Amino acid sequence: RRSPRDRGADDAATDDQHFPRPGRQVGRRGEMSDPRLSPPALPALPRPSTWFTWHDHLIRPGVRVLDLACGEGRHAVAAAALGAEVVAIDREATRIDVAREAAAAQGLTIDLRTVDLEGEWPELGTFGVVLAFNYLDRARMADVIARVAPGGLLVMETFLVAQRQLGWGPKSDAYLLNPGELARLVEPLEIVHGREVYEPVDTDRWRAVAGIVAQRRV
């Protein structure tokens, strides 16, 4: 059985635009400088989702953040840069290695773990913010919600069934939300903000996603 983090979602990269790696540098008068004298190339991470950036003010310094199915760490690194204490998990060790390299390049400390979320979860405790982007496993939603501390938030976003008609991304119903479904999946958390939208990824692609911010009341 395939992971709830659908390969189509990973390859498509949703709204992820990669920051370029530094290459040969142009010096004064247009001459090319010796790349051996240039700063080392930083790992190229996709930019955080717009849903994350809209709500990153909710991530305060010192808050514990859990990033589920973190991939290469675009949200884990962004949260750590905001001062959060981040635990990030993904089933693919190669992606965790990229995230670890990216964090180190920015002088950030992240607790990165290789964990198959379809299996037994490690003891993680609870978190002030739980992030779940492009991760959908309906059978494990109770486990996701259980990681949200009293007063804490779940920030989640993934594809809608309409994505199938857009020609890229996941195709299986297992990884696609029906309209209105996400609000039901996060119960009994209280919805703070939600949306279901088409939005542009670039000049040629659109994506259909549902996003939600939900809180466990104290």
C-alpha atoms as a PDB file:
ATOM      1  CA  ARG A   1       0.000   0.000   0.000  1.00  0.00           C
ATOM      2  CA  ARG A   2       1.272   3.414  -0.890  1.00  0.00           C
ATOM      3  CA  SER A   3       1.948   6.121   1.603  1.00  0.00           C
ATOM      4  CA  PRO A   4      -0.783   8.721   2.256  1.00  0.00           C
ATOM      5  CA  ARG A   5       1.757  11.248   1.015  1.00  0.00           C
ATOM      6  CA  ASP A   6       0.949  10.486  -2.616  1.00  0.00           C
ATOM      7  CA  ARG A   7       3.895  10.401  -5.017  1.00  0.00           C
ATOM      8  CA  GLY A   8       1.944  12.483  -7.506  1.00  0.00           C
ATOM      9  CA  ALA A   9       1.689  15.240  -4.946  1.00  0.00           C
ATOM     10  CA  ASP A  10       5.415  15.133  -4.263  1.00  0.00           C
ATOM     11  CA  ASP A  11       6.438  15.230  -7.906  1.00  0.00           C
ATOM     12  CA  ALA A  12       3.961  17.941  -8.781  1.00  0.00           C
ATOM     13  CA  ALA A  13       5.252  20.123  -5.943  1.00  0.00           C
ATOM     14  CA  THR A  14       1.914  21.963  -5.567  1.00  0.00           C
ATOM     15  CA  ASP A  15       2.827  25.630  -5.324  1.00  0.00           C
ATOM     16  CA  ASP A  16       6.457  24.851  -4.587  1.00  0.00           C
ATOM     17  CA  GLN A  17       8.859  27.014  -6.518  1.00  0.00           C
ATOM     18  CA  HIS A  18      12.467  26.082  -5.889  1.00  0.00           C
ATOM     19  CA  PHE A  19      14.931  28.704  -4.844  1.00  0.00           C
ATOM     20  CA  PRO A  20      17.907  28.454  -7.228  1.00  0.00           C
ATOM     21  CA  ARG A  21      21.203  27.051  -6.072  1.00  0.00           C
ATOM     22  CA  PRO A  22      24.087  29.489  -6.417  1.00  0.00           C
ATOM     23  CA  GLY A  23      26.331  28.722  -9.362  1.00  0.00           C
ATOM     24  CA  ARG A  24      29.189  30.584 -10.941  1.00  0.00           C
ATOM     25  CA  GLN A  25      29.143  34.193  -9.899  1.00  0.00           C
ATOM     26  CA  VAL A  26      29.482  37.201 -12.173  1.00  0.00           C
ATOM     27  CA  GLY A  27      32.181  39.506 -10.848  1.00  0.00           C
ATOM     28  CA  ARG A  28      32.836  43.130 -11.595  1.00  0.00           C
ATOM     29  CA  ARG A  29      33.104  44.018 -15.298  1.00  0.00           C
ATOM     30  CA  GLY A  30      31.102  40.880 -16.109  1.00  0.00           C
ATOM     31  CA  GLU A  31      33.934  38.358 -15.697  1.00  0.00           C
ATOM     32  CA  MET A  32      33.056  34.944 -14.273  1.00  0.00           C
ATOM     33  CA  SER A  33      34.573  34.314 -10.867  1.00  0.00           C
ATOM     34  CA  ASP A  34      36.146  31.039  -9.853  1.00  0.00           C
ATOM     35  CA  PRO A  35      33.321  28.853  -8.417  1.00  0.00           C
ATOM     36  CA  ARG A  36      35.846  27.454  -5.920  1.00  0.00           C
ATOM     37  CA  LEU A  37      35.899  30.905  -4.333  1.00  0.00           C
ATOM     38  CA  SER A  38      32.111  31.195  -4.216  1.00  0.00           C
ATOM     39  CA  PRO A  39      30.010  30.351  -1.163  1.00  0.00           C
ATOM     40  CA  PRO A  40      28.914  26.716  -1.048  1.00  0.00           C
ATOM     41  CA  ALA A  41      25.579  25.985  -2.684  1.00  0.00           C
ATOM     42  CA  LEU A  42      22.662  25.848  -0.275  1.00  0.00           C
ATOM     43  CA  PRO A  43      20.059  23.094  -0.557  1.00  0.00           C
ATOM     44  CA  ALA A  44      17.221  24.209  -2.829  1.00  0.00           C
ATOM     45  CA  LEU A  45      13.922  23.891  -0.970  1.00  0.00           C
ATOM     46  CA  PRO A  46      10.466  24.575  -2.343  1.00  0.00           C
ATOM     47  CA  ARG A  47       8.936  27.731  -0.957  1.00  0.00           C
ATOM     48  CA  PRO A  48       6.381  27.242   1.828  1.00  0.00           C
ATOM     49  CA  SER A  49       2.730  26.967   0.869  1.00  0.00           C
ATOM     50  CA  THR A  50       0.787  30.204   0.747  1.00  0.00           C
ATOM     51  CA  TRP A  51      -1.506  28.685   3.395  1.00  0.00           C
ATOM     52  CA  PHE A  52       1.515  28.387   5.683  1.00  0.00           C
ATOM     53  CA  THR A  53       2.778  31.900   5.027  1.00  0.00           C
ATOM     54  CA  TRP A  54      -0.654  33.382   5.638  1.00  0.00           C
ATOM     55  CA  HIS A  55      -0.641  31.846   9.107  1.00  0.00           C
ATOM     56  CA  ASP A  56       3.016  31.843  10.076  1.00  0.00           C
ATOM     57  CA  HIS A  57       2.306  34.666  12.536  1.00  0.00           C
ATOM     58  CA  LEU A  58       0.711  31.959  14.682  1.00  0.00           C
ATOM     59  CA  ILE A  59       4.110  30.304  15.130  1.00  0.00           C
ATOM     60  CA  ARG A  60       5.717  32.062  18.093  1.00  0.00           C
ATOM     61  CA  PRO A  61       9.298  31.668  19.278  1.00  0.00           C
ATOM     62  CA  GLY A  62       9.577  28.643  21.541  1.00  0.00           C
ATOM     63  CA  VAL A  63       6.337  26.974  20.445  1.00  0.00           C
ATOM     64  CA  ARG A  64       6.573  23.241  19.745  1.00  0.00           C
ATOM     65  CA  VAL A  65       5.750  22.452  16.115  1.00  0.00           C
ATOM     66  CA  LEU A  66       5.199  19.028  14.546  1.00  0.00           C
ATOM     67  CA  ASP A  67       5.523  18.760  10.759  1.00  0.00           C
ATOM     68  CA  LEU A  68       3.938  15.523   9.524  1.00  0.00           C
ATOM     69  CA  ALA A  69       5.146  14.040   6.226  1.00  0.00           C
ATOM     70  CA  CYS A  70       7.580  16.928   6.090  1.00  0.00           C
ATOM     71  CA  GLY A  71       9.217  15.941   2.802  1.00  0.00           C
ATOM     72  CA  GLU A  72      12.378  17.977   2.275  1.00  0.00           C
ATOM     73  CA  GLY A  73      11.463  20.263   5.143  1.00  0.00           C
ATOM     74  CA  ARG A  74      10.168  23.434   3.523  1.00  0.00           C
ATOM     75  CA  HIS A  75       7.719  24.109   6.380  1.00  0.00           C
ATOM     76  CA  ALA A  76       9.897  22.643   9.125  1.00  0.00           C
ATOM     77  CA  VAL A  77      12.775  24.939   8.167  1.00  0.00           C
ATOM     78  CA  ALA A  78      10.459  27.946   7.868  1.00  0.00           C
ATOM     79  CA  ALA A  79       8.959  27.253  11.315  1.00  0.00           C
ATOM     80  CA  ALA A  80      12.399  26.792  12.883  1.00  0.00           C
ATOM     81  CA  ALA A  81      13.499  30.099  11.352  1.00  0.00           C
ATOM     82  CA  LEU A  82      10.602  31.705  13.225  1.00  0.00           C
ATOM     83  CA  GLY A  83      12.028  30.398  16.497  1.00  0.00           C
ATOM     84  CA  ALA A  84       9.878  27.303  16.931  1.00  0.00           C
ATOM     85  CA  GLU A  85      11.086  24.020  18.419  1.00  0.00           C
ATOM     86  CA  VAL A  86      10.370  21.725  15.487  1.00  0.00           C
ATOM     87  CA  VAL A  87       9.940  17.970  15.196  1.00  0.00           C
ATOM     88  CA  ALA A  88       9.631  16.889  11.558  1.00  0.00           C
ATOM     89  CA  ILE A  89       8.967  13.361  10.330  1.00  0.00           C
ATOM     90  CA  ASP A  90       8.828  11.677   6.949  1.00  0.00           C
ATOM     91  CA  ARG A  91       9.053   8.096   5.741  1.00  0.00           C
ATOM     92  CA  GLU A  92      11.801   8.756   3.187  1.00  0.00           C
ATOM     93  CA  ALA A  93      15.309   9.010   4.614  1.00  0.00           C
ATOM     94  CA  THR A  94      16.585  10.823   1.526  1.00  0.00           C
ATOM     95  CA  ARG A  95      14.111  13.639   2.088  1.00  0.00           C
ATOM     96  CA  ILE A  96      15.043  13.848   5.755  1.00  0.00           C
ATOM     97  CA  ASP A  97      18.692  14.149   4.696  1.00  0.00           C
ATOM     98  CA  VAL A  98      17.833  17.104   2.440  1.00  0.00           C
ATOM     99  CA  ALA A  99      15.905  18.750   5.278  1.00  0.00           C
ATOM    100  CA  ARG A 100      18.794  18.197   7.674  1.00  0.00           C
ATOM    101  CA  GLU A 101      21.235  19.774   5.216  1.00  0.00           C
ATOM    102  CA  ALA A 102      18.940  22.752   4.655  1.00  0.00           C
ATOM    103  CA  ALA A 103      18.516  23.323   8.389  1.00  0.00           C
ATOM    104  CA  ALA A 104      22.239  23.092   9.014  1.00  0.00           C
ATOM    105  CA  ALA A 105      22.957  25.549   6.204  1.00  0.00           C
ATOM    106  CA  GLN A 106      20.799  28.113   8.006  1.00  0.00           C
ATOM    107  CA  GLY A 107      22.135  27.315  11.461  1.00  0.00           C
ATOM    108  CA  LEU A 108      18.794  25.859  12.570  1.00  0.00           C
ATOM    109  CA  THR A 109      18.155  22.927  14.882  1.00  0.00           C
ATOM    110  CA  ILE A 110      15.301  20.577  13.917  1.00  0.00           C
ATOM    111  CA  ASP A 111      14.498  17.160  15.371  1.00  0.00           C
ATOM    112  CA  LEU A 112      14.233  15.240  12.081  1.00  0.00           C
ATOM    113  CA  ARG A 113      13.063  11.629  12.171  1.00  0.00           C
ATOM    114  CA  THR A 114      12.479   8.929   9.591  1.00  0.00           C
ATOM    115  CA  VAL A 115       9.076   7.472  10.454  1.00  0.00           C
ATOM    116  CA  ASP A 116       6.566   5.521   8.372  1.00  0.00           C
ATOM    117  CA  LEU A 117       3.289   7.166   9.338  1.00  0.00           C
ATOM    118  CA  GLU A 118       1.375   4.079   8.207  1.00  0.00           C
ATOM    119  CA  GLY A 119       3.027   2.125  11.018  1.00  0.00           C
ATOM    120  CA  GLU A 120       3.305   2.736  14.730  1.00  0.00           C
ATOM    121  CA  TRP A 121       3.979   6.335  15.617  1.00  0.00           C
ATOM    122  CA  PRO A 122       6.713   7.142  18.136  1.00  0.00           C
ATOM    123  CA  GLU A 123       5.886   8.906  21.363  1.00  0.00           C
ATOM    124  CA  LEU A 124       5.853  12.546  20.331  1.00  0.00           C
ATOM    125  CA  GLY A 125       3.838  14.339  22.986  1.00  0.00           C
ATOM    126  CA  THR A 126       1.636  17.271  22.063  1.00  0.00           C
ATOM    127  CA  PHE A 127       2.393  20.439  20.138  1.00  0.00           C
ATOM    128  CA  GLY A 128       1.293  24.037  19.958  1.00  0.00           C
ATOM    129  CA  VAL A 129       1.123  23.755  16.168  1.00  0.00           C
ATOM    130  CA  VAL A 130       0.756  20.633  14.022  1.00  0.00           C
ATOM    131  CA  LEU A 131       1.457  21.026  10.297  1.00  0.00           C
ATOM    132  CA  ALA A 132       0.056  18.596   7.711  1.00  0.00           C
ATOM    133  CA  PHE A 133       0.628  19.617   4.096  1.00  0.00           C
ATOM    134  CA  ASN A 134      -0.080  17.236   1.194  1.00  0.00           C
ATOM    135  CA  TYR A 135      -0.645  14.479   3.738  1.00  0.00           C
ATOM    136  CA  LEU A 136      -3.976  12.721   3.961  1.00  0.00           C
ATOM    137  CA  ASP A 137      -4.694   9.478   5.772  1.00  0.00           C
ATOM    138  CA  ARG A 138      -8.273   9.464   6.926  1.00  0.00           C
ATOM    139  CA  ALA A 139      -7.654   6.452   9.152  1.00  0.00           C
ATOM    140  CA  ARG A 140      -4.979   8.359  11.112  1.00  0.00           C
ATOM    141  CA  MET A 141      -6.778  11.670  11.594  1.00  0.00           C
ATOM    142  CA  ALA A 142      -7.483  10.813  15.243  1.00  0.00           C
ATOM    143  CA  ASP A 143      -3.726  10.400  15.745  1.00  0.00           C
ATOM    144  CA  VAL A 144      -3.064  13.732  14.051  1.00  0.00           C
ATOM    145  CA  ILE A 145      -5.638  15.526  16.193  1.00  0.00           C
ATOM    146  CA  ALA A 146      -4.316  13.870  19.355  1.00  0.00           C
ATOM    147  CA  ARG A 147      -0.962  15.628  18.804  1.00  0.00           C
ATOM    148  CA  VAL A 148      -2.587  19.074  19.120  1.00  0.00           C
ATOM    149  CA  ALA A 149      -2.122  20.443  22.642  1.00  0.00           C
ATOM    150  CA  PRO A 150      -4.903  22.287  24.488  1.00  0.00           C
ATOM    151  CA  GLY A 151      -5.044  25.715  22.918  1.00  0.00           C
ATOM    152  CA  GLY A 152      -2.931  24.428  20.035  1.00  0.00           C
ATOM    153  CA  LEU A 153      -3.566  24.571  16.304  1.00  0.00           C
ATOM    154  CA  LEU A 154      -3.726  22.181  13.374  1.00  0.00           C
ATOM    155  CA  VAL A 155      -2.684  23.821  10.099  1.00  0.00           C
ATOM    156  CA  MET A 156      -3.540  21.479   7.246  1.00  0.00           C
ATOM    157  CA  GLU A 157      -3.787  21.667   3.476  1.00  0.00           C
ATOM    158  CA  THR A 158      -4.144  19.094   0.729  1.00  0.00           C
ATOM    159  CA  PHE A 159      -5.741  18.476  -2.637  1.00  0.00           C
ATOM    160  CA  LEU A 160      -9.425  18.383  -3.536  1.00  0.00           C
ATOM    161  CA  VAL A 161     -10.958  15.861  -5.935  1.00  0.00           C
ATOM    162  CA  ALA A 162     -11.112  18.639  -8.533  1.00  0.00           C
ATOM    163  CA  GLN A 163      -7.323  18.362  -8.807  1.00  0.00           C
ATOM    164  CA  ARG A 164      -7.769  15.201 -10.874  1.00  0.00           C
ATOM    165  CA  GLN A 165      -9.197  17.294 -13.708  1.00  0.00           C
ATOM    166  CA  LEU A 166      -6.221  19.643 -13.746  1.00  0.00           C
ATOM    167  CA  GLY A 167      -3.846  17.070 -15.199  1.00  0.00           C
ATOM    168  CA  TRP A 168      -1.243  16.767 -12.449  1.00  0.00           C
ATOM    169  CA  GLY A 169      -0.984  15.767  -8.813  1.00  0.00           C
ATOM    170  CA  PRO A 170      -2.573  12.780  -7.059  1.00  0.00           C
ATOM    171  CA  LYS A 171      -5.233  10.741  -8.837  1.00  0.00           C
ATOM    172  CA  SER A 172      -6.425   8.314  -6.158  1.00  0.00           C
ATOM    173  CA  ASP A 173      -9.512   9.095  -4.083  1.00  0.00           C
ATOM    174  CA  ALA A 174      -7.462   8.056  -1.050  1.00  0.00           C
ATOM    175  CA  TYR A 175      -5.412  11.266  -1.377  1.00  0.00           C
ATOM    176  CA  LEU A 176      -8.121  13.674  -2.521  1.00  0.00           C
ATOM    177  CA  LEU A 177     -10.637  15.503  -0.358  1.00  0.00           C
ATOM    178  CA  ASN A 178     -14.299  15.883  -1.200  1.00  0.00           C
ATOM    179  CA  PRO A 179     -15.819  19.362  -0.883  1.00  0.00           C
ATOM    180  CA  GLY A 180     -16.538  20.124   2.767  1.00  0.00           C
ATOM    181  CA  GLU A 181     -14.774  16.977   3.982  1.00  0.00           C
ATOM    182  CA  LEU A 182     -11.806  18.557   5.718  1.00  0.00           C
ATOM    183  CA  ALA A 183     -13.990  20.409   8.214  1.00  0.00           C
ATOM    184  CA  ARG A 184     -15.516  17.089   9.251  1.00  0.00           C
ATOM    185  CA  LEU A 185     -12.171  15.304   9.455  1.00  0.00           C
ATOM    186  CA  VAL A 186     -10.747  17.748  12.009  1.00  0.00           C
ATOM    187  CA  GLU A 187     -13.635  17.443  14.472  1.00  0.00           C
ATOM    188  CA  PRO A 188     -13.772  18.060  17.420  1.00  0.00           C
ATOM    189  CA  LEU A 189     -11.266  20.855  16.804  1.00  0.00           C
ATOM    190  CA  GLU A 190     -12.813  24.272  16.304  1.00  0.00           C
ATOM    191  CA  ILE A 191     -12.314  25.835  12.882  1.00  0.00           C
ATOM    192  CA  VAL A 192     -10.541  29.185  12.957  1.00  0.00           C
ATOM    193  CA  HIS A 193     -10.071  29.654   9.217  1.00  0.00           C
ATOM    194  CA  GLY A 194     -10.699  27.520   6.170  1.00  0.00           C
ATOM    195  CA  ARG A 195     -10.862  27.650   2.411  1.00  0.00           C
ATOM    196  CA  GLU A 196     -11.452  25.548  -0.694  1.00  0.00           C
ATOM    197  CA  VAL A 197      -9.963  27.193  -3.766  1.00  0.00           C
ATOM    198  CA  TYR A 198      -8.397  27.015  -7.161  1.00  0.00           C
ATOM    199  CA  GLU A 199      -5.164  28.976  -7.153  1.00  0.00           C
ATOM    200  CA  PRO A 200      -2.353  29.417  -9.668  1.00  0.00           C
ATOM    201  CA  VAL A 201       0.873  27.518  -9.191  1.00  0.00           C
ATOM    202  CA  ASP A 202       2.659  29.174 -12.084  1.00  0.00           C
ATOM    203  CA  THR A 203       1.724  30.546 -15.509  1.00  0.00           C
ATOM    204  CA  ASP A 204       0.645  27.106 -16.767  1.00  0.00           C
ATOM    205  CA  ARG A 205      -0.797  25.261 -13.772  1.00  0.00           C
ATOM    206  CA  TRP A 206      -3.515  25.607 -11.188  1.00  0.00           C
ATOM    207  CA  ARG A 207      -4.218  23.584  -8.087  1.00  0.00           C
ATOM    208  CA  ALA A 208      -7.432  22.750  -6.236  1.00  0.00           C
ATOM    209  CA  VAL A 209      -6.867  22.594  -2.489  1.00  0.00           C
ATOM    210  CA  ALA A 210      -8.606  22.705   0.846  1.00  0.00           C
ATOM    211  CA  GLY A 211      -6.884  24.339   3.788  1.00  0.00           C
ATOM    212  CA  ILE A 212      -7.883  24.681   7.409  1.00  0.00           C
ATOM    213  CA  VAL A 213      -6.659  26.114  10.673  1.00  0.00           C
ATOM    214  CA  ALA A 214      -8.391  24.440  13.617  1.00  0.00           C
ATOM    215  CA  GLN A 215      -7.871  24.828  17.359  1.00  0.00           C
ATOM    216  CA  ARG A 216      -8.270  22.607  20.391  1.00  0.00           C
ATOM    217  CA  ARG A 217      -9.934  24.744  22.981  1.00  0.00           C
ATOM    218  CA  VAL A 218      -8.483  24.753  26.481  1.00  0.00           C
END
